[in-house]
PDB file of N, CA and C in Angstrom:
ATOM      1  N   MET A   1       0.772  -1.225  -0.134  1.00  0.00           N
ATOM      2  CA  MET A   1       0.082  -0.429  -0.202  1.00  0.00           C
ATOM      3  C   MET A   1       0.920   1.204  -0.054  1.00  0.00           C
ATOM      4  N   LEU A   2       0.600   2.108  -0.630  1.00  0.00           N
ATOM      5  CA  LEU A   2       0.827   3.203  -0.647  1.00  0.00           C
ATOM      6  C   LEU A   2       0.629   4.529   0.023  1.00  0.00           C
ATOM      7  N   LEU A   3       1.166   4.669   1.064  1.00  0.00           N
ATOM      8  CA  LEU A   3       0.038   5.949   2.241  1.00  0.00           C
ATOM      9  C   LEU A   3       0.881   7.212   2.214  1.00  0.00           C
ATOM     10  N   SER A   4       0.160   8.004   2.553  1.00  0.00           N
ATOM     11  CA  SER A   4       1.275   9.706   3.027  1.00  0.00           C
ATOM     12  C   SER A   4       0.432  10.218   4.337  1.00  0.00           C
ATOM     13  N   ASN A   5       1.009  10.654   4.940  1.00  0.00           N
ATOM     14  CA  ASN A   5       0.870  11.239   5.989  1.00  0.00           C
ATOM     15  C   ASN A   5       0.590  12.921   5.787  1.00  0.00           C
ATOM     16  N   THR A   6      -0.872  13.667   6.217  1.00  0.00           N
ATOM     17  CA  THR A   6      -0.685  14.816   5.922  1.00  0.00           C
ATOM     18  C   THR A   6      -1.381  15.365   7.325  1.00  0.00           C
ATOM     19  N   ASP A   7      -0.965  16.486   7.597  1.00  0.00           N
ATOM     20  CA  ASP A   7      -0.882  16.902   9.327  1.00  0.00           C
ATOM     21  C   ASP A   7      -1.246  16.076   9.983  1.00  0.00           C
ATOM     22  N   GLY A   8      -0.720  14.850  10.276  1.00  0.00           N
ATOM     23  CA  GLY A   8      -0.688  13.931  11.395  1.00  0.00           C
ATOM     24  C   GLY A   8      -1.999  12.475  10.976  1.00  0.00           C
ATOM     25  N   GLU A   9      -2.460  12.744   9.786  1.00  0.00           N
ATOM     26  CA  GLU A   9      -3.262  11.703   9.278  1.00  0.00           C
ATOM     27  C   GLU A   9      -2.746  10.866   7.992  1.00  0.00           C
ATOM     28  N   TRP A  10      -2.908   9.890   8.227  1.00  0.00           N
ATOM     29  CA  TRP A  10      -2.613   8.758   7.107  1.00  0.00           C
ATOM     30  C   TRP A  10      -3.782   8.908   6.105  1.00  0.00           C
ATOM     31  N   HIS A  11      -2.898   8.744   4.628  1.00  0.00           N
ATOM     32  CA  HIS A  11      -4.169   8.599   3.931  1.00  0.00           C
ATOM     33  C   HIS A  11      -3.707   7.520   2.852  1.00  0.00           C
ATOM     34  N   LEU A  12      -4.547   6.690   2.578  1.00  0.00           N
ATOM     35  CA  LEU A  12      -4.005   5.661   1.292  1.00  0.00           C
ATOM     36  C   LEU A  12      -4.161   6.477   0.154  1.00  0.00           C
ATOM     37  N   ASP A  13      -3.176   6.189  -0.615  1.00  0.00           N
ATOM     38  CA  ASP A  13      -2.924   7.131  -1.951  1.00  0.00           C
ATOM     39  C   ASP A  13      -2.625   5.835  -2.971  1.00  0.00           C
ATOM     40  N   GLY A  14      -2.491   4.734  -2.413  1.00  0.00           N
ATOM     41  CA  GLY A  14      -2.730   3.938  -4.092  1.00  0.00           C
ATOM     42  C   GLY A  14      -2.031   2.326  -3.787  1.00  0.00           C
ATOM     43  N   VAL A  15      -2.571   1.301  -4.036  1.00  0.00           N
ATOM     44  CA  VAL A  15      -2.526  -0.025  -4.260  1.00  0.00           C
ATOM     45  C   VAL A  15      -1.775  -0.757  -5.200  1.00  0.00           C
ATOM     46  N   ILE A  16      -0.420  -1.322  -4.812  1.00  0.00           N
ATOM     47  CA  ILE A  16       0.290  -1.938  -6.045  1.00  0.00           C
ATOM     48  C   ILE A  16       0.050  -3.222  -5.855  1.00  0.00           C
ATOM     49  N   ASP A  17      -0.572  -3.974  -6.885  1.00  0.00           N
ATOM     50  CA  ASP A  17      -0.999  -5.283  -7.010  1.00  0.00           C
ATOM     51  C   ASP A  17       0.118  -6.257  -7.979  1.00  0.00           C
ATOM     52  N   TRP A  18       0.898  -7.046  -6.936  1.00  0.00           N
ATOM     53  CA  TRP A  18       1.820  -7.883  -7.663  1.00  0.00           C
ATOM     54  C   TRP A  18       1.584  -9.343  -8.178  1.00  0.00           C
ATOM     55  N   GLU A  19       0.295  -9.230  -8.194  1.00  0.00           N
ATOM     56  CA  GLU A  19       0.099 -10.876  -8.781  1.00  0.00           C
ATOM     57  C   GLU A  19       0.564 -11.166  -9.903  1.00  0.00           C
ATOM     58  N   SER A  20       0.391 -10.425 -10.728  1.00  0.00           N
ATOM     59  CA  SER A  20       1.099 -10.627 -12.211  1.00  0.00           C
ATOM     60  C   SER A  20       2.218  -9.974 -12.030  1.00  0.00           C
ATOM     61  N   VAL A  21       3.282  -9.759 -11.160  1.00  0.00           N
ATOM     62  CA  VAL A  21       4.405  -9.455 -11.257  1.00  0.00           C
ATOM     63  C   VAL A  21       5.506 -10.419 -12.094  1.00  0.00           C
ATOM     64  N   CYS A  22       6.023 -10.015 -13.009  1.00  0.00           N
ATOM     65  CA  CYS A  22       7.534 -10.929 -13.199  1.00  0.00           C
ATOM     66  C   CYS A  22       8.590 -10.369 -13.424  1.00  0.00           C
ATOM     67  N   ILE A  23       9.603 -10.594 -13.778  1.00  0.00           N
ATOM     68  CA  ILE A  23      11.005 -10.122 -14.285  1.00  0.00           C
ATOM     69  C   ILE A  23      11.340 -10.809 -15.348  1.00  0.00           C
ATOM     70  N   SER A  24      11.508  -9.991 -16.711  1.00  0.00           N
ATOM     71  CA  SER A  24      11.565 -10.372 -17.777  1.00  0.00           C
ATOM     72  C   SER A  24      12.476  -9.086 -18.525  1.00  0.00           C
ATOM     73  N   ASP A  25      12.862  -9.532 -19.812  1.00  0.00           N
ATOM     74  CA  ASP A  25      13.806  -8.802 -20.681  1.00  0.00           C
ATOM     75  C   ASP A  25      12.239  -7.806 -21.328  1.00  0.00           C
ATOM     76  N   PRO A  26      13.259  -6.282 -20.669  1.00  0.00           N
ATOM     77  CA  PRO A  26      12.329  -5.213 -21.428  1.00  0.00           C
ATOM     78  C   PRO A  26      11.998  -5.179 -23.111  1.00  0.00           C
ATOM     79  N   ARG A  27      12.605  -6.050 -23.876  1.00  0.00           N
ATOM     80  CA  ARG A  27      12.448  -6.266 -25.369  1.00  0.00           C
ATOM     81  C   ARG A  27      10.942  -6.955 -25.450  1.00  0.00           C
ATOM     82  N   VAL A  28      10.504  -7.529 -24.036  1.00  0.00           N
ATOM     83  CA  VAL A  28       9.098  -8.257 -24.456  1.00  0.00           C
ATOM     84  C   VAL A  28       7.850  -7.562 -24.865  1.00  0.00           C
ATOM     85  N   ILE A  29       8.028  -6.336 -24.868  1.00  0.00           N
ATOM     86  CA  ILE A  29       6.861  -5.573 -25.107  1.00  0.00           C
ATOM     87  C   ILE A  29       6.917  -4.558 -26.435  1.00  0.00           C
ATOM     88  N   SER A  30       8.025  -5.155 -26.856  1.00  0.00           N
ATOM     89  CA  SER A  30       8.253  -4.735 -28.607  1.00  0.00           C
ATOM     90  C   SER A  30       7.603  -5.524 -29.438  1.00  0.00           C
ATOM     91  N   ASN A  31       7.087  -4.859 -30.763  1.00  0.00           N
ATOM     92  CA  ASN A  31       6.082  -5.534 -31.487  1.00  0.00           C
ATOM     93  C   ASN A  31       6.819  -6.261 -32.555  1.00  0.00           C
ATOM     94  N   GLU A  32       8.182  -6.584 -32.213  1.00  0.00           N
ATOM     95  CA  GLU A  32       9.140  -7.495 -33.327  1.00  0.00           C
ATOM     96  C   GLU A  32       9.407  -8.451 -33.108  1.00  0.00           C
ATOM     97  N   GLU A  33       9.622  -9.536 -34.109  1.00  0.00           N
ATOM     98  CA  GLU A  33       9.514 -10.601 -33.859  1.00  0.00           C
ATOM     99  C   GLU A  33      11.324 -10.769 -33.124  1.00  0.00           C
ATOM    100  N   PRO A  34      11.373 -11.901 -32.235  1.00  0.00           N
ATOM    101  CA  PRO A  34      10.357 -13.032 -32.075  1.00  0.00           C
ATOM    102  C   PRO A  34       9.370 -12.952 -30.784  1.00  0.00           C
ATOM    103  N   TRP A  35       9.426 -11.405 -30.310  1.00  0.00           N
ATOM    104  CA  TRP A  35       8.744 -11.067 -29.140  1.00  0.00           C
ATOM    105  C   TRP A  35       7.534 -11.319 -29.427  1.00  0.00           C
ATOM    106  N   ARG A  36       6.857 -10.422 -30.390  1.00  0.00           N
ATOM    107  CA  ARG A  36       4.994 -10.563 -30.691  1.00  0.00           C
ATOM    108  C   ARG A  36       4.814 -12.373 -30.601  1.00  0.00           C
ATOM    109  N   THR A  37       5.545 -13.206 -31.300  1.00  0.00           N
ATOM    110  CA  THR A  37       4.962 -14.569 -31.318  1.00  0.00           C
ATOM    111  C   THR A  37       5.128 -15.045 -29.561  1.00  0.00           C
ATOM    112  N   ILE A  38       6.271 -14.779 -29.096  1.00  0.00           N
ATOM    113  CA  ILE A  38       6.453 -15.221 -27.532  1.00  0.00           C
ATOM    114  C   ILE A  38       5.401 -14.536 -27.040  1.00  0.00           C
ATOM    115  N   ARG A  39       4.748 -13.369 -27.022  1.00  0.00           N
ATOM    116  CA  ARG A  39       3.762 -13.007 -26.324  1.00  0.00           C
ATOM    117  C   ARG A  39       2.646 -13.939 -26.485  1.00  0.00           C
ATOM    118  N   ALA A  40       2.110 -14.316 -27.598  1.00  0.00           N
ATOM    119  CA  ALA A  40       1.004 -14.675 -28.577  1.00  0.00           C
ATOM    120  C   ALA A  40       0.953 -16.231 -27.800  1.00  0.00           C
ATOM    121  N   PHE A  41       2.254 -16.945 -27.650  1.00  0.00           N
ATOM    122  CA  PHE A  41       2.788 -18.301 -27.204  1.00  0.00           C
ATOM    123  C   PHE A  41       2.169 -18.227 -25.668  1.00  0.00           C
ATOM    124  N   GLY A  42       2.592 -17.022 -24.823  1.00  0.00           N
ATOM    125  CA  GLY A  42       2.341 -16.792 -23.461  1.00  0.00           C
ATOM    126  C   GLY A  42       0.647 -17.133 -23.439  1.00  0.00           C
ATOM    127  N   LEU A  43      -0.119 -16.189 -24.032  1.00  0.00           N
ATOM    128  CA  LEU A  43      -1.556 -16.410 -24.055  1.00  0.00           C
ATOM    129  C   LEU A  43      -2.158 -17.615 -24.645  1.00  0.00           C
ATOM    130  N   VAL A  44      -1.751 -18.288 -25.487  1.00  0.00           N
ATOM    131  CA  VAL A  44      -1.821 -19.838 -25.668  1.00  0.00           C
ATOM    132  C   VAL A  44      -1.973 -20.847 -24.545  1.00  0.00           C
ATOM    133  N   ILE A  45      -0.789 -20.386 -23.930  1.00  0.00           N
ATOM    134  CA  ILE A  45      -0.487 -21.521 -22.609  1.00  0.00           C
ATOM    135  C   ILE A  45      -1.000 -21.068 -21.343  1.00  0.00           C
ATOM    136  N   LYS A  46      -1.586 -19.742 -21.213  1.00  0.00           N
ATOM    137  CA  LYS A  46      -2.252 -19.310 -19.860  1.00  0.00           C
ATOM    138  C   LYS A  46      -3.665 -19.761 -20.392  1.00  0.00           C
ATOM    139  N   GLY A  47      -4.164 -19.660 -21.778  1.00  0.00           N
ATOM    140  CA  GLY A  47      -5.689 -20.163 -22.302  1.00  0.00           C
ATOM    141  C   GLY A  47      -6.028 -21.601 -22.163  1.00  0.00           C
ATOM    142  N   SER A  48      -4.714 -22.506 -22.373  1.00  0.00           N
ATOM    143  CA  SER A  48      -4.814 -23.984 -21.988  1.00  0.00           C
ATOM    144  C   SER A  48      -4.730 -24.071 -20.439  1.00  0.00           C
ATOM    145  N   HIS A  49      -4.138 -23.482 -19.594  1.00  0.00           N
ATOM    146  CA  HIS A  49      -4.326 -23.787 -18.299  1.00  0.00           C
ATOM    147  C   HIS A  49      -5.689 -23.174 -17.317  1.00  0.00           C
ATOM    148  N   LEU A  50      -6.093 -22.096 -18.317  1.00  0.00           N
ATOM    149  CA  LEU A  50      -7.560 -21.748 -17.622  1.00  0.00           C
ATOM    150  C   LEU A  50      -8.657 -23.227 -17.796  1.00  0.00           C
ATOM    151  N   ALA A  51      -8.201 -23.344 -19.378  1.00  0.00           N
ATOM    152  CA  ALA A  51      -9.119 -24.584 -19.725  1.00  0.00           C
ATOM    153  C   ALA A  51      -9.453 -25.667 -19.049  1.00  0.00           C
ATOM    154  N   ASP A  52      -8.086 -25.971 -18.416  1.00  0.00           N
ATOM    155  CA  ASP A  52      -7.719 -27.140 -17.678  1.00  0.00           C
ATOM    156  C   ASP A  52      -8.299 -27.054 -16.558  1.00  0.00           C
ATOM    157  N   CYS A  53      -7.993 -26.094 -15.874  1.00  0.00           N
ATOM    158  CA  CYS A  53      -8.883 -25.334 -14.554  1.00  0.00           C
ATOM    159  C   CYS A  53     -10.690 -25.556 -14.759  1.00  0.00           C
ATOM    160  N   VAL A  54     -11.031 -24.906 -15.725  1.00  0.00           N
ATOM    161  CA  VAL A  54     -12.507 -24.971 -15.764  1.00  0.00           C
ATOM    162  C   VAL A  54     -13.113 -26.660 -16.113  1.00  0.00           C
ATOM    163  N   ALA A  55     -12.134 -27.444 -16.792  1.00  0.00           N
ATOM    164  CA  ALA A  55     -12.411 -28.650 -16.835  1.00  0.00           C
ATOM    165  C   ALA A  55     -12.440 -29.506 -15.828  1.00  0.00           C
ATOM    166  N   ASN A  56     -11.762 -29.084 -14.494  1.00  0.00           N
ATOM    167  CA  ASN A  56     -11.506 -29.810 -13.322  1.00  0.00           C
ATOM    168  C   ASN A  56     -12.094 -29.063 -12.593  1.00  0.00           C
ATOM    169  N   PHE A  57     -13.394 -28.186 -12.693  1.00  0.00           N
ATOM    170  CA  PHE A  57     -13.701 -27.410 -11.792  1.00  0.00           C
ATOM    171  C   PHE A  57     -13.033 -26.912 -10.612  1.00  0.00           C
ATOM    172  N   ASN A  58     -11.740 -26.104 -10.975  1.00  0.00           N
ATOM    173  CA  ASN A  58     -10.832 -25.290 -10.177  1.00  0.00           C
ATOM    174  C   ASN A  58     -10.701 -23.849 -11.001  1.00  0.00           C
ATOM    175  N   ILE A  59     -11.937 -23.182 -11.005  1.00  0.00           N
ATOM    176  CA  ILE A  59     -12.136 -22.134 -11.626  1.00  0.00           C
ATOM    177  C   ILE A  59     -11.028 -20.753 -10.546  1.00  0.00           C
ATOM    178  N   PRO A  60     -10.120 -19.993 -11.361  1.00  0.00           N
ATOM    179  CA  PRO A  60      -9.083 -19.423 -10.792  1.00  0.00           C
ATOM    180  C   PRO A  60      -9.608 -18.177 -10.417  1.00  0.00           C
ATOM    181  N   ARG A  61      -9.049 -17.335  -9.463  1.00  0.00           N
ATOM    182  CA  ARG A  61     -10.048 -16.115  -9.302  1.00  0.00           C
ATOM    183  C   ARG A  61      -9.831 -15.018 -10.394  1.00  0.00           C
ATOM    184  N   CYS A  62     -10.993 -14.784 -11.263  1.00  0.00           N
ATOM    185  CA  CYS A  62     -10.531 -13.918 -12.152  1.00  0.00           C
ATOM    186  C   CYS A  62     -12.394 -13.525 -13.024  1.00  0.00           C
ATOM    187  N   GLU A  63     -12.270 -12.606 -13.209  1.00  0.00           N
ATOM    188  CA  GLU A  63     -13.299 -12.111 -13.932  1.00  0.00           C
ATOM    189  C   GLU A  63     -13.822 -13.410 -15.220  1.00  0.00           C
ATOM    190  N   LEU A  64     -14.961 -13.341 -15.629  1.00  0.00           N
ATOM    191  CA  LEU A  64     -15.334 -14.166 -16.983  1.00  0.00           C
ATOM    192  C   LEU A  64     -14.899 -13.383 -18.171  1.00  0.00           C
ATOM    193  N   MET A  65     -15.229 -12.076 -18.078  1.00  0.00           N
ATOM    194  CA  MET A  65     -14.681 -11.535 -19.120  1.00  0.00           C
ATOM    195  C   MET A  65     -13.485 -11.239 -19.321  1.00  0.00           C
ATOM    196  N   GLU A  66     -12.632 -11.479 -18.709  1.00  0.00           N
ATOM    197  CA  GLU A  66     -10.956 -11.651 -18.674  1.00  0.00           C
ATOM    198  C   GLU A  66     -10.796 -13.241 -19.449  1.00  0.00           C
ATOM    199  N   LEU A  67     -11.210 -13.966 -18.698  1.00  0.00           N
ATOM    200  CA  LEU A  67     -10.986 -15.453 -19.643  1.00  0.00           C
ATOM    201  C   LEU A  67     -11.558 -15.015 -20.897  1.00  0.00           C
ATOM    202  N   VAL A  68     -12.613 -14.593 -21.342  1.00  0.00           N
ATOM    203  CA  VAL A  68     -12.894 -14.763 -22.331  1.00  0.00           C
ATOM    204  C   VAL A  68     -12.413 -13.966 -23.317  1.00  0.00           C
ATOM    205  N   GLU A  69     -11.554 -12.652 -22.860  1.00  0.00           N
ATOM    206  CA  GLU A  69     -10.894 -11.763 -23.785  1.00  0.00           C
ATOM    207  C   GLU A  69      -9.641 -12.851 -24.119  1.00  0.00           C
ATOM    208  N   ASN A  70      -8.954 -13.284 -23.113  1.00  0.00           N
ATOM    209  CA  ASN A  70      -7.466 -13.845 -23.643  1.00  0.00           C
ATOM    210  C   ASN A  70      -7.934 -15.232 -24.364  1.00  0.00           C
ATOM    211  N   SER A  71      -9.212 -15.904 -24.265  1.00  0.00           N
ATOM    212  CA  SER A  71      -9.153 -17.095 -25.065  1.00  0.00           C
ATOM    213  C   SER A  71      -9.158 -16.559 -26.133  1.00  0.00           C
ATOM    214  N   GLU A  72     -10.212 -15.500 -26.632  1.00  0.00           N
ATOM    215  CA  GLU A  72      -9.978 -14.902 -28.064  1.00  0.00           C
ATOM    216  C   GLU A  72      -8.411 -14.233 -28.947  1.00  0.00           C
ATOM    217  N   LYS A  73      -7.843 -13.779 -27.924  1.00  0.00           N
ATOM    218  CA  LYS A  73      -6.644 -13.562 -28.170  1.00  0.00           C
ATOM    219  C   LYS A  73      -5.598 -14.278 -28.406  1.00  0.00           C
ATOM    220  N   ALA A  74      -5.583 -15.339 -27.844  1.00  0.00           N
ATOM    221  CA  ALA A  74      -5.088 -16.432 -27.888  1.00  0.00           C
ATOM    222  C   ALA A  74      -5.162 -17.540 -29.123  1.00  0.00           C
ATOM    223  N   GLY A  75      -6.439 -17.160 -29.731  1.00  0.00           N
ATOM    224  CA  GLY A  75      -7.162 -18.205 -30.808  1.00  0.00           C
ATOM    225  C   GLY A  75      -6.272 -17.376 -32.015  1.00  0.00           C
TER     226      GLY A  75
END
């Protein structure tokens, strides 16, 4: 949590969500090859994992539209 103290009162300024944090090569955000293909492959792997979770009734904590969006991207 990011907090600031103003006149003796603490205020919440923001929250950092580390759930999807990773250490990677900065070129991974490039639209050049092979990085574009690597990102697409990552979506396929994530989609496969989510499909396996759904098939085994072990749905991860996320929103349905996020699952649909990632599935469409992976396709």
